[in-house]
N, C-alpha and C. Protein backbone atom coordinates (compact mmCIF):
# COMPACT_ATOMS: atom_id res chain seq x y z
N MET A 1 259.70 -21.83 202.19
CA MET A 1 259.47 -22.38 200.88
C MET A 1 258.63 -21.39 200.07
N ASN A 2 259.14 -20.97 198.92
CA ASN A 2 258.37 -20.05 198.10
C ASN A 2 257.47 -20.84 197.13
N GLU A 3 256.64 -20.13 196.37
CA GLU A 3 255.68 -20.81 195.49
C GLU A 3 256.38 -21.69 194.47
N HIS A 4 257.48 -21.23 193.93
CA HIS A 4 258.22 -22.02 192.94
C HIS A 4 258.68 -23.33 193.57
N ASP A 5 259.22 -23.25 194.78
CA ASP A 5 259.68 -24.44 195.49
C ASP A 5 258.52 -25.42 195.74
N ILE A 6 257.38 -24.87 196.12
CA ILE A 6 256.22 -25.72 196.39
C ILE A 6 255.76 -26.42 195.12
N HIS A 7 255.68 -25.65 194.02
CA HIS A 7 255.28 -26.26 192.74
C HIS A 7 256.27 -27.34 192.30
N THR A 8 257.54 -27.08 192.50
CA THR A 8 258.56 -28.06 192.15
C THR A 8 258.37 -29.33 192.98
N LYS A 9 258.13 -29.17 194.27
CA LYS A 9 257.92 -30.32 195.15
C LYS A 9 256.67 -31.10 194.72
N ILE A 10 255.60 -30.39 194.38
CA ILE A 10 254.38 -31.04 193.92
C ILE A 10 254.66 -31.86 192.66
N GLN A 11 255.39 -31.29 191.72
CA GLN A 11 255.70 -32.01 190.49
C GLN A 11 256.56 -33.24 190.76
N GLN A 12 257.48 -33.13 191.71
CA GLN A 12 258.32 -34.28 192.07
C GLN A 12 257.46 -35.39 192.69
N LEU A 13 256.56 -35.01 193.56
CA LEU A 13 255.69 -36.00 194.20
C LEU A 13 254.78 -36.69 193.18
N ILE A 14 254.27 -35.92 192.23
CA ILE A 14 253.41 -36.50 191.19
C ILE A 14 254.22 -37.45 190.31
N ALA A 15 255.44 -37.06 189.97
CA ALA A 15 256.30 -37.94 189.17
C ALA A 15 256.60 -39.24 189.92
N THR A 16 256.82 -39.13 191.22
CA THR A 16 257.06 -40.32 192.04
C THR A 16 255.82 -41.20 192.07
N GLU A 17 254.67 -40.58 192.16
CA GLU A 17 253.40 -41.34 192.15
C GLU A 17 253.24 -42.10 190.84
N HIS A 18 253.50 -41.45 189.73
CA HIS A 18 253.38 -42.11 188.42
C HIS A 18 254.37 -43.27 188.30
N LYS A 19 255.59 -43.05 188.77
CA LYS A 19 256.62 -44.10 188.73
C LYS A 19 256.19 -45.29 189.58
N LEU A 20 255.66 -45.01 190.73
CA LEU A 20 255.20 -46.05 191.64
C LEU A 20 254.09 -46.88 190.99
N ARG A 21 253.14 -46.23 190.37
CA ARG A 21 252.04 -46.95 189.71
C ARG A 21 252.56 -47.80 188.55
N THR A 22 253.52 -47.27 187.81
CA THR A 22 254.12 -48.01 186.70
C THR A 22 254.85 -49.25 187.22
N GLU A 23 255.58 -49.08 188.30
CA GLU A 23 256.32 -50.20 188.88
C GLU A 23 255.37 -51.28 189.40
N THR A 24 254.24 -50.86 189.92
CA THR A 24 253.25 -51.83 190.40
C THR A 24 252.65 -52.59 189.23
N GLN A 25 252.32 -51.88 188.17
CA GLN A 25 251.74 -52.53 187.00
C GLN A 25 252.69 -53.52 186.35
N SER A 26 253.97 -53.22 186.40
CA SER A 26 254.96 -54.10 185.79
C SER A 26 255.40 -55.22 186.73
N GLY A 27 254.89 -55.20 187.96
CA GLY A 27 255.22 -56.25 188.92
C GLY A 27 256.51 -56.04 189.68
N GLU A 28 257.12 -54.86 189.53
CA GLU A 28 258.38 -54.58 190.23
C GLU A 28 258.18 -54.42 191.73
N ILE A 29 257.01 -53.92 192.12
CA ILE A 29 256.69 -53.82 193.54
C ILE A 29 255.29 -54.39 193.77
N ASP A 30 255.04 -54.82 195.00
CA ASP A 30 253.75 -55.43 195.29
C ASP A 30 252.72 -54.35 195.65
N PRO A 31 251.44 -54.67 195.49
CA PRO A 31 250.38 -53.69 195.75
C PRO A 31 250.37 -53.15 197.18
N ASP A 32 250.76 -53.95 198.17
CA ASP A 32 250.78 -53.45 199.54
C ASP A 32 251.83 -52.36 199.73
N THR A 33 252.97 -52.55 199.11
CA THR A 33 254.02 -51.53 199.16
C THR A 33 253.55 -50.28 198.46
N GLU A 34 252.91 -50.46 197.30
CA GLU A 34 252.39 -49.31 196.56
C GLU A 34 251.39 -48.55 197.42
N LYS A 35 250.49 -49.27 198.07
CA LYS A 35 249.45 -48.62 198.88
C LYS A 35 250.07 -47.77 199.99
N ALA A 36 251.05 -48.31 200.67
CA ALA A 36 251.70 -47.57 201.76
C ALA A 36 252.43 -46.35 201.24
N GLN A 37 253.15 -46.51 200.15
CA GLN A 37 253.90 -45.38 199.59
C GLN A 37 252.96 -44.33 199.01
N LEU A 38 251.87 -44.76 198.39
CA LEU A 38 250.90 -43.80 197.85
C LEU A 38 250.26 -42.97 198.97
N ALA A 39 249.97 -43.61 200.08
CA ALA A 39 249.39 -42.87 201.21
C ALA A 39 250.34 -41.78 201.67
N SER A 40 251.61 -42.11 201.76
CA SER A 40 252.62 -41.14 202.17
C SER A 40 252.71 -39.99 201.16
N LEU A 41 252.69 -40.34 199.88
CA LEU A 41 252.75 -39.31 198.83
C LEU A 41 251.52 -38.40 198.88
N GLU A 42 250.35 -39.00 199.08
CA GLU A 42 249.13 -38.20 199.12
C GLU A 42 249.15 -37.23 200.30
N HIS A 43 249.67 -37.67 201.43
CA HIS A 43 249.76 -36.77 202.58
C HIS A 43 250.71 -35.61 202.29
N ALA A 44 251.84 -35.91 201.68
CA ALA A 44 252.80 -34.86 201.34
C ALA A 44 252.21 -33.88 200.33
N LEU A 45 251.48 -34.41 199.35
CA LEU A 45 250.83 -33.54 198.36
C LEU A 45 249.79 -32.64 199.03
N ASP A 46 248.99 -33.21 199.92
CA ASP A 46 247.99 -32.41 200.61
C ASP A 46 248.64 -31.29 201.42
N GLN A 47 249.77 -31.59 202.06
CA GLN A 47 250.47 -30.56 202.82
C GLN A 47 251.00 -29.47 201.90
N CYS A 48 251.51 -29.84 200.74
CA CYS A 48 252.02 -28.84 199.79
C CYS A 48 250.90 -27.94 199.29
N TRP A 49 249.77 -28.56 198.90
CA TRP A 49 248.65 -27.76 198.41
C TRP A 49 248.12 -26.84 199.50
N ASP A 50 248.08 -27.33 200.73
CA ASP A 50 247.64 -26.51 201.85
C ASP A 50 248.56 -25.32 202.06
N LEU A 51 249.86 -25.55 202.00
CA LEU A 51 250.83 -24.48 202.17
C LEU A 51 250.69 -23.45 201.05
N LEU A 52 250.48 -23.92 199.84
CA LEU A 52 250.29 -23.02 198.71
C LEU A 52 249.04 -22.16 198.91
N ARG A 53 247.95 -22.78 199.38
CA ARG A 53 246.72 -22.01 199.63
C ARG A 53 246.94 -20.98 200.75
N GLN A 54 247.68 -21.36 201.78
CA GLN A 54 247.97 -20.42 202.86
C GLN A 54 248.74 -19.21 202.34
N ARG A 55 249.75 -19.48 201.52
CA ARG A 55 250.56 -18.39 200.98
C ARG A 55 249.70 -17.44 200.16
N ARG A 56 248.84 -18.00 199.32
CA ARG A 56 247.98 -17.16 198.47
C ARG A 56 246.97 -16.38 199.29
N ALA A 57 246.46 -16.98 200.34
CA ALA A 57 245.53 -16.27 201.22
C ALA A 57 246.23 -15.10 201.91
N ARG A 58 247.47 -15.30 202.31
CA ARG A 58 248.22 -14.22 202.94
C ARG A 58 248.48 -13.09 201.95
N ILE A 59 248.80 -13.44 200.72
CA ILE A 59 249.02 -12.42 199.69
C ILE A 59 247.73 -11.62 199.48
N ASP A 60 246.60 -12.33 199.36
CA ASP A 60 245.31 -11.66 199.17
C ASP A 60 244.95 -10.75 200.33
N ALA A 61 245.42 -11.11 201.53
CA ALA A 61 245.13 -10.31 202.73
C ALA A 61 246.17 -9.22 202.95
N GLY A 62 247.14 -9.11 202.03
CA GLY A 62 248.17 -8.09 202.17
C GLY A 62 249.23 -8.44 203.20
N LYS A 63 249.36 -9.73 203.51
CA LYS A 63 250.34 -10.16 204.50
C LYS A 63 251.52 -10.85 203.82
N ASP A 64 252.55 -11.08 204.57
CA ASP A 64 253.76 -11.72 204.07
C ASP A 64 253.51 -13.22 203.86
N PRO A 65 253.59 -13.70 202.62
CA PRO A 65 253.36 -15.13 202.37
C PRO A 65 254.43 -16.03 202.98
N ASP A 66 255.59 -15.46 203.26
CA ASP A 66 256.68 -16.26 203.83
C ASP A 66 256.42 -16.65 205.28
N THR A 67 255.38 -16.10 205.89
CA THR A 67 255.05 -16.47 207.26
C THR A 67 254.17 -17.72 207.31
N ALA A 68 253.74 -18.20 206.15
CA ALA A 68 252.94 -19.43 206.11
C ALA A 68 253.82 -20.62 206.49
N THR A 69 253.25 -21.52 207.26
CA THR A 69 253.99 -22.71 207.67
C THR A 69 253.17 -23.95 207.33
N ALA A 70 253.87 -25.03 207.06
CA ALA A 70 253.20 -26.28 206.73
C ALA A 70 252.46 -26.82 207.95
N ASN A 71 251.23 -27.21 207.74
CA ASN A 71 250.46 -27.84 208.81
C ASN A 71 250.80 -29.32 208.87
N THR A 72 250.51 -29.93 210.01
CA THR A 72 250.76 -31.36 210.15
C THR A 72 249.79 -32.14 209.27
N VAL A 73 250.13 -33.40 209.03
CA VAL A 73 249.26 -34.27 208.25
C VAL A 73 247.89 -34.37 208.92
N ASP A 74 247.87 -34.51 210.23
CA ASP A 74 246.60 -34.62 210.94
C ASP A 74 245.72 -33.39 210.74
N GLN A 75 246.34 -32.21 210.75
CA GLN A 75 245.57 -30.99 210.54
C GLN A 75 245.01 -30.95 209.12
N VAL A 76 245.87 -31.21 208.15
CA VAL A 76 245.46 -31.11 206.75
C VAL A 76 244.42 -32.17 206.42
N GLU A 77 244.62 -33.39 206.89
CA GLU A 77 243.68 -34.47 206.60
C GLU A 77 242.37 -34.31 207.36
N GLY A 78 242.37 -33.49 208.42
CA GLY A 78 241.17 -33.30 209.21
C GLY A 78 240.26 -32.19 208.71
N TYR A 79 240.65 -31.48 207.67
CA TYR A 79 239.82 -30.40 207.14
C TYR A 79 238.50 -30.96 206.63
N LEU A 80 237.44 -30.22 206.87
CA LEU A 80 236.13 -30.60 206.32
C LEU A 80 236.05 -30.10 204.90
N GLN A 81 235.54 -30.94 204.03
CA GLN A 81 235.42 -30.56 202.62
C GLN A 81 234.12 -29.85 202.37
């Protein structure tokens, strides 16, 4: 996945998040469904941002950014802030 692909995926996930929130506000879906789907979206977004940071770090280090791989949700969510 190149940077353009990652940015596209991030924008798609954000659009899905906005749609989900709108559907919840209009009563089309229940809050429990929204909560579960939002958690999934947030995990996917975190993985995308992590992959993007890995690619940029490799570029800064003079390495091939295409060798960056997506980390698991557990790895990404376990990072210390």
